[in-house]
Structures are given as C-alpha cells and as structure tokens.
C-alpha cells in the first residue's frame, strides 16, 4: 500500500522526540505504541488509515524507537508522556486531533484527553491497562525489572545480539526485536518510571472524558483484561466497545478492525462537541506536578 510518508523530530523538555507521518489532510490521528516497542508496530495501520483519508502520526515515546533515551526514571511517566503528545501537536501546528494507542499508548491517550480535552477530537483505545491489569502487570514486569537490575551484563549481551538480528518484512516483529535490543539501563529506567508513576488517570478524571471513544479489547488477554475495557466503556459517556478476535488481530489480520476504526474516525470528525477547556502543561516537569 503506497501512501505519502515522512519522518521528523522535535525538541521538548531537553529531549529529541521522533515521529512519522502517513497521508495528508486535516483529519489527524496520533497513534502510540506499546511499552518498550516503537512506531514500527503501527505502520501497517497508519498506511491503511492514510489510504482511507486520514493523516496518521506515529510518535516514538521518550525511551523508545528513534527518540532520545535518558536514564532518569522520572522522565517516564504517563503525564509526562501526555505532555510530549501535546508538544507534538504544537510542533506540527495541529489544534485538534484524534488520539489513540495500544497498551501504554492507550493509557497515554487517556491522559491527554484529561489534560487537554479541547485538543482531542476522539480516542481509539486499544488494549487498555487499568485497575484489573495491575496484578498481571506486576507479575510480568517486576521480575523483569529485577533481572535488568541484577543481571545487567548478561542482559546487555542479549540486547547487543538482538540488535544484530536482521530485520524482517514484518514490522510488528521488528518492533519486538527493537524492544529486546534496548540497552538494559534504558529498559530499566522506562519500566521503573512507568511502574512507580500513575498507570492511568483516576476514575473520576476518566469519567469526565467527553470525547467519542472506541475501545478495542480481547477476552483472553491477562495483561490487558477485558474487564478493564468493559469498565472503561461503562464509565465514559460516549464510548463503544469493539471486541477483538485475538490480542494481535489488528497486527496480523487487520481486515475487519481497520475499516471499523476508519468508520469511527469518520463519524467522530463529522461531529463537533463543545468541551470544557483545560490549560495544557508547557513542560514535562509541569505535567508531573499535575
């Protein structure tokens, strides 16, 4: 699928953030990747939605992909990531956009909607990580964080070997290889920052989100429990649930879900709902102060 494509970067909060843009037009979707992954995992979706008339921007969050990777855990918080997304919109001169993402990207998208509702036309929340996910996430990531801390040298050898593995035609697989090839000190800082900061906006803050929202989830996903998706849809006043046939459906067999996302975005851009203005933070430090 051939669509217009460009890359760029900008400075914010003392760090350089990289992004990719697919397609043209005023109907913009910013879509964010999962934890330790990068924009490669969303390129197929971006090309498909661009072909359907949307401009899709993929941002590599700080510590991921081609963006800078500082070693301070305090840099890796949901609220700071949300400030980065808003800075991206400012950099591109975009007043209002649909915001979405998978897993970590879903949580950041919700935070953006809380911090700056007037900037958010719609939300696409894929596999959210909320209250029901905490036990499984702790069981998975806490041991990994300990391994990174106490076995940094062997993990460094693994990451260097992974970096030398030839990339494939499967961009989602390449994103996994990127995650494995991250230096252990970077992965450790990112995980520490995410696990010690707010995982998602509070329930009260989420309930105030007025943007139309599409939530995508699968019933057999321990890290992204279906119960979290259901609770989010029940809480948000303008949300709908789209059950996935597998946790990887949008990556390996997107023919069903992609048109539904495109139709949802078309509907969201056709409607304009006034929302309460919220001043956005101008720095990552201000975002952390809340």
Protein backbone atom coordinates (compact mmCIF):
# COMPACT_ATOMS: atom_id res chain seq x y z
CA UNK A 1 0.00 0.00 0.00
CA UNK A 2 1.65 3.22 -1.18
CA UNK A 3 0.91 6.42 0.77
CA UNK A 4 2.78 9.67 1.37
CA UNK A 5 5.27 9.19 4.19
CA UNK A 6 7.74 11.42 6.03
CA UNK A 7 9.78 11.44 9.21
CA UNK A 8 10.73 14.22 11.57
CA UNK A 9 11.76 15.12 15.08
CA UNK A 10 11.47 17.99 17.56
CA UNK A 11 12.93 19.06 20.89
CA UNK A 12 10.84 19.19 24.04
CA UNK A 13 11.88 19.23 27.67
CA UNK A 14 15.52 18.83 26.71
CA UNK A 15 14.98 15.66 24.67
CA UNK A 16 14.52 14.87 20.99
CA UNK A 17 11.33 13.04 20.00
CA UNK A 18 10.95 11.29 16.64
CA UNK A 19 7.77 10.82 14.64
CA UNK A 20 6.45 9.51 11.32
CA UNK A 21 3.57 10.93 9.27
CA UNK A 22 1.43 8.97 6.84
CA UNK A 23 -1.02 10.65 4.48
CA UNK A 24 -2.30 14.20 4.28
CA UNK A 25 -5.32 16.19 5.38
CA UNK A 26 -6.93 17.82 8.39
CA UNK A 27 -8.33 14.64 9.97
CA UNK A 28 -5.33 13.71 12.11
CA UNK A 29 -4.86 10.62 14.26
CA UNK A 30 -1.86 10.38 16.60
CA UNK A 31 -1.32 6.69 17.38
CA UNK A 32 1.06 5.47 20.09
CA UNK A 33 2.89 2.17 20.53
CA UNK A 34 3.11 -0.22 23.47
CA UNK A 35 5.65 -0.46 26.28
CA UNK A 36 9.27 -0.85 25.06
CA UNK A 37 8.03 -1.16 21.47
CA UNK A 38 8.18 1.54 18.79
CA UNK A 39 6.24 3.02 15.88
CA UNK A 40 7.01 0.07 13.63
CA UNK A 41 4.20 -1.91 15.26
CA UNK A 42 1.63 0.63 14.00
CA UNK A 43 2.92 1.34 10.49
CA UNK A 44 0.52 -1.03 8.71
CA UNK A 45 -2.44 0.54 10.49
CA UNK A 46 -1.13 4.02 9.67
CA UNK A 47 -0.82 3.22 5.97
CA UNK A 48 -4.32 1.72 5.85
CA UNK A 49 -5.95 4.68 7.62
CA UNK A 50 -3.98 7.12 5.47
CA UNK A 51 -5.33 5.37 2.38
CA UNK A 52 -8.82 5.92 3.86
CA UNK A 53 -8.26 9.69 4.02
CA UNK A 54 -6.70 10.25 7.44
CA UNK A 55 -3.35 11.76 8.33
CA UNK A 56 -1.70 9.43 10.85
CA UNK A 57 1.18 10.50 13.06
CA UNK A 58 3.20 7.84 14.87
CA UNK A 59 5.24 9.15 17.79
CA UNK A 60 8.14 7.25 19.35
CA UNK A 61 7.65 7.98 23.04
CA UNK A 62 10.69 9.00 25.06
CA UNK A 63 12.91 5.97 25.69
CA UNK A 64 11.55 4.15 22.65
CA UNK A 65 12.33 3.83 18.95
CA UNK A 66 14.32 6.69 17.45
CA UNK A 67 13.56 9.13 20.29
CA UNK A 68 16.11 10.03 22.97
CA UNK A 69 16.60 7.60 25.83
CA UNK A 70 17.60 9.40 29.05
CA UNK A 71 18.36 7.16 32.03
CA UNK A 72 16.25 9.07 34.58
CA UNK A 73 13.19 7.03 35.57
CA UNK A 74 11.33 10.24 36.41
CA UNK A 75 11.18 11.04 32.68
CA UNK A 76 8.95 8.03 32.02
CA UNK A 77 5.52 8.83 33.43
CA UNK A 78 2.10 8.86 31.82
CA UNK A 79 1.56 12.55 32.50
CA UNK A 80 4.98 13.47 31.07
CA UNK A 81 4.28 11.31 28.01
CA UNK A 82 0.95 13.09 27.54
CA UNK A 83 2.77 16.42 27.63
CA UNK A 84 5.03 15.09 24.86
CA UNK A 85 1.98 14.28 22.71
CA UNK A 86 0.63 17.79 23.18
CA UNK A 87 4.04 19.21 22.31
CA UNK A 88 3.95 17.11 19.12
CA UNK A 89 0.62 18.69 18.16
CA UNK A 90 2.08 22.14 18.78
CA UNK A 91 5.17 21.32 16.73
CA UNK A 92 3.03 20.18 13.79
CA UNK A 93 0.59 23.08 14.15
CA UNK A 94 -2.36 20.77 14.86
CA UNK A 95 -5.06 22.34 17.01
CA UNK A 96 -7.14 19.20 17.41
CA UNK A 97 -6.57 15.51 16.68
CA UNK A 98 -7.86 12.05 17.38
CA UNK A 99 -5.51 10.35 19.85
CA UNK A 100 -5.05 6.63 20.27
CA UNK A 101 -2.69 3.82 21.04
CA UNK A 102 -2.16 0.30 22.28
CA UNK A 103 -1.43 -0.69 25.90
CA UNK A 104 0.96 2.02 27.16
CA UNK A 105 -0.19 4.18 24.25
CA UNK A 106 -3.81 3.71 25.34
CA UNK A 107 -3.03 4.98 28.84
CA UNK A 108 -1.16 7.98 27.48
CA UNK A 109 -4.10 8.77 25.18
CA UNK A 110 -6.50 8.82 28.13
CA UNK A 111 -4.12 11.13 29.98
CA UNK A 112 -4.01 13.51 27.00
CA UNK A 113 -7.82 13.64 27.00
CA UNK A 114 -7.81 14.53 30.70
CA UNK A 115 -5.10 17.19 30.41
CA UNK A 116 -6.32 18.90 27.24
CA UNK A 117 -9.86 17.87 26.23
CA UNK A 118 -10.19 20.65 23.67
CA UNK A 119 -7.29 19.17 21.73
CA UNK A 120 -8.91 15.71 21.45
CA UNK A 121 -11.46 15.01 18.73
CA UNK A 122 -11.77 11.30 19.53
CA UNK A 123 -9.97 8.43 21.26
CA UNK A 124 -9.02 4.98 19.94
CA UNK A 125 -8.08 2.90 22.99
CA UNK A 126 -6.58 -0.48 22.10
CA UNK A 127 -5.99 -2.99 24.91
CA UNK A 128 -6.14 -0.55 27.87
CA UNK A 129 -4.20 -1.25 31.07
CA UNK A 130 -6.25 -0.13 34.06
CA UNK A 131 -7.11 -1.42 37.53
CA UNK A 132 -7.83 -5.06 36.61
CA UNK A 133 -4.44 -5.31 34.89
CA UNK A 134 -2.33 -4.36 37.91
CA UNK A 135 -1.74 -7.90 39.33
CA UNK A 136 -0.77 -9.43 35.98
CA UNK A 137 1.38 -6.45 35.02
CA UNK A 138 3.19 -6.62 38.37
CA UNK A 139 3.81 -10.36 37.98
CA UNK A 140 5.25 -9.85 34.49
CA UNK A 141 7.26 -6.64 34.72
CA UNK A 142 8.55 -6.66 38.32
CA UNK A 143 10.65 -9.83 37.84
CA UNK A 144 11.91 -8.44 34.51
CA UNK A 145 12.90 -5.21 36.23
CA UNK A 146 14.81 -7.20 38.86
CA UNK A 147 16.62 -9.19 36.17
CA UNK A 148 17.59 -5.96 34.42
CA UNK A 149 18.90 -4.58 37.71
CA UNK A 150 20.85 -7.58 38.97
CA UNK A 151 21.86 -9.21 35.67
CA UNK A 152 22.63 -6.15 33.61
CA UNK A 153 25.77 -7.56 31.98
CA UNK A 154 24.16 -10.77 30.59
CA UNK A 155 21.10 -8.79 29.51
CA UNK A 156 23.41 -6.35 27.75
CA UNK A 157 24.90 -9.24 25.75
CA UNK A 158 21.39 -10.35 24.77
CA UNK A 159 20.39 -6.83 23.70
CA UNK A 160 23.51 -6.46 21.57
CA UNK A 161 22.88 -9.81 19.89
CA UNK A 162 19.23 -8.85 19.25
CA UNK A 163 20.37 -5.58 17.67
CA UNK A 164 22.38 -7.60 15.13
CA UNK A 165 19.45 -9.82 14.10
CA UNK A 166 18.39 -8.90 10.54
CA UNK A 167 15.04 -7.12 10.43
CA UNK A 168 12.19 -8.77 8.57
CA UNK A 169 9.32 -7.66 6.35
CA UNK A 170 7.04 -7.98 9.40
CA UNK A 171 7.15 -4.57 11.07
CA UNK A 172 5.41 -5.75 14.25
CA UNK A 173 8.08 -8.41 14.69
CA UNK A 174 10.74 -5.78 14.09
CA UNK A 175 9.20 -3.73 16.89
CA UNK A 176 9.58 -6.72 19.24
CA UNK A 177 13.22 -7.10 18.16
CA UNK A 178 13.69 -3.41 18.90
CA UNK A 179 12.33 -3.92 22.43
CA UNK A 180 14.73 -6.81 23.07
CA UNK A 181 17.68 -4.84 21.70
CA UNK A 182 17.17 -1.85 24.00
CA UNK A 183 20.13 -1.38 26.37
CA UNK A 184 19.22 -2.83 29.80
CA UNK A 185 19.74 0.52 31.53
CA UNK A 186 17.16 2.12 29.22
CA UNK A 187 14.57 -0.64 29.70
CA UNK A 188 15.17 -0.48 33.46
CA UNK A 189 14.60 3.29 33.58
CA UNK A 190 11.45 3.08 31.45
CA UNK A 191 9.92 0.24 33.48
CA UNK A 192 10.81 1.87 36.78
CA UNK A 193 9.24 5.15 35.74
CA UNK A 194 6.06 3.51 34.43
CA UNK A 195 5.60 1.19 37.43
CA UNK A 196 6.16 3.88 40.06
CA UNK A 197 4.09 6.59 38.35
CA UNK A 198 0.34 6.76 37.66
CA UNK A 199 -0.70 3.92 35.34
CA UNK A 200 -3.80 5.77 34.15
CA UNK A 201 -5.94 8.80 35.03
CA UNK A 202 -8.13 8.40 38.08
CA UNK A 203 -11.63 7.02 37.64
CA UNK A 204 -13.04 10.48 38.36
CA UNK A 205 -10.86 12.02 35.66
CA UNK A 206 -11.75 9.30 33.17
CA UNK A 207 -15.45 9.81 33.80
CA UNK A 208 -15.10 13.43 32.69
CA UNK A 209 -13.73 12.49 29.25
CA UNK A 210 -16.35 13.62 26.74
CA UNK A 211 -14.60 12.67 23.50
CA UNK A 212 -16.16 9.84 21.47
CA UNK A 213 -14.12 6.74 22.25
CA UNK A 214 -13.60 3.39 20.53
CA UNK A 215 -12.23 0.71 22.87
CA UNK A 216 -10.69 -2.43 21.36
CA UNK A 217 -10.02 -5.46 23.58
CA UNK A 218 -9.93 -9.27 23.66
CA UNK A 219 -11.44 -11.54 26.30
CA UNK A 220 -8.32 -13.74 26.73
CA UNK A 221 -5.64 -11.18 27.48
CA UNK A 222 -4.23 -11.19 31.02
CA UNK A 223 -2.06 -8.08 30.60
CA UNK A 224 -4.94 -6.11 29.05
CA UNK A 225 -8.01 -7.55 30.83
CA UNK A 226 -11.34 -7.39 29.04
CA UNK A 227 -12.82 -6.24 32.34
CA UNK A 228 -10.77 -3.05 32.14
CA UNK A 229 -12.12 -2.34 28.65
CA UNK A 230 -15.70 -3.01 29.73
CA UNK A 231 -15.37 -0.81 32.80
CA UNK A 232 -13.90 1.99 30.70
CA UNK A 233 -16.77 1.85 28.22
CA UNK A 234 -19.31 1.92 31.04
CA UNK A 235 -17.55 4.89 32.65
CA UNK A 236 -17.04 7.11 29.60
CA UNK A 237 -20.20 8.84 28.40
CA UNK A 238 -19.51 8.41 24.67
CA UNK A 239 -17.62 5.12 24.41
CA UNK A 240 -18.24 1.91 22.50
CA UNK A 241 -16.57 -1.48 22.72
CA UNK A 242 -15.17 -3.38 19.74
CA UNK A 243 -14.21 -6.94 20.79
CA UNK A 244 -11.12 -8.27 19.01
CA UNK A 245 -10.85 -11.88 17.84
CA UNK A 246 -7.36 -12.11 19.30
CA UNK A 247 -4.97 -9.75 21.12
CA UNK A 248 -2.95 -9.49 17.89
CA UNK A 249 -5.81 -9.17 15.41
CA UNK A 250 -5.02 -5.58 14.47
CA UNK A 251 -1.39 -6.59 13.77
CA UNK A 252 -1.75 -9.94 11.96
CA UNK A 253 -5.25 -9.87 10.43
CA UNK A 254 -6.46 -6.25 10.38
CA UNK A 255 -9.02 -6.59 7.56
CA UNK A 256 -12.00 -6.48 9.94
CA UNK A 257 -10.91 -3.93 12.54
CA UNK A 258 -9.21 -1.33 10.36
CA UNK A 259 -12.38 -0.35 8.42
CA UNK A 260 -14.24 -0.09 11.74
CA UNK A 261 -11.62 2.25 13.12
CA UNK A 262 -11.77 4.33 9.92
CA UNK A 263 -15.58 4.49 10.10
CA UNK A 264 -15.44 5.51 13.77
CA UNK A 265 -12.97 8.30 12.96
CA UNK A 266 -15.11 9.50 10.05
CA UNK A 267 -18.09 9.70 12.39
CA UNK A 268 -16.09 11.49 15.08
CA UNK A 269 -14.79 14.12 12.66
CA UNK A 270 -18.29 14.71 11.34
CA UNK A 271 -19.45 15.73 14.83
CA UNK A 272 -18.33 18.66 16.96
CA UNK A 273 -19.00 18.59 20.70
CA UNK A 274 -18.04 21.58 22.86
CA UNK A 275 -15.89 20.56 25.82
CA UNK A 276 -14.50 22.28 28.88
CA UNK A 277 -11.11 23.87 28.22
CA UNK A 278 -8.11 22.76 30.23
CA UNK A 279 -4.77 24.53 30.08
CA UNK A 280 -2.10 22.11 28.95
CA UNK A 281 1.30 22.00 30.66
CA UNK A 282 4.14 23.59 28.76
CA UNK A 283 6.93 21.40 30.15
CA UNK A 284 7.35 17.77 31.22
CA UNK A 285 8.12 18.96 34.80
CA UNK A 286 4.83 20.87 34.94
CA UNK A 287 2.98 17.78 33.71
CA UNK A 288 4.45 15.73 36.56
CA UNK A 289 3.35 18.33 39.10
CA UNK A 290 -0.19 17.97 37.75
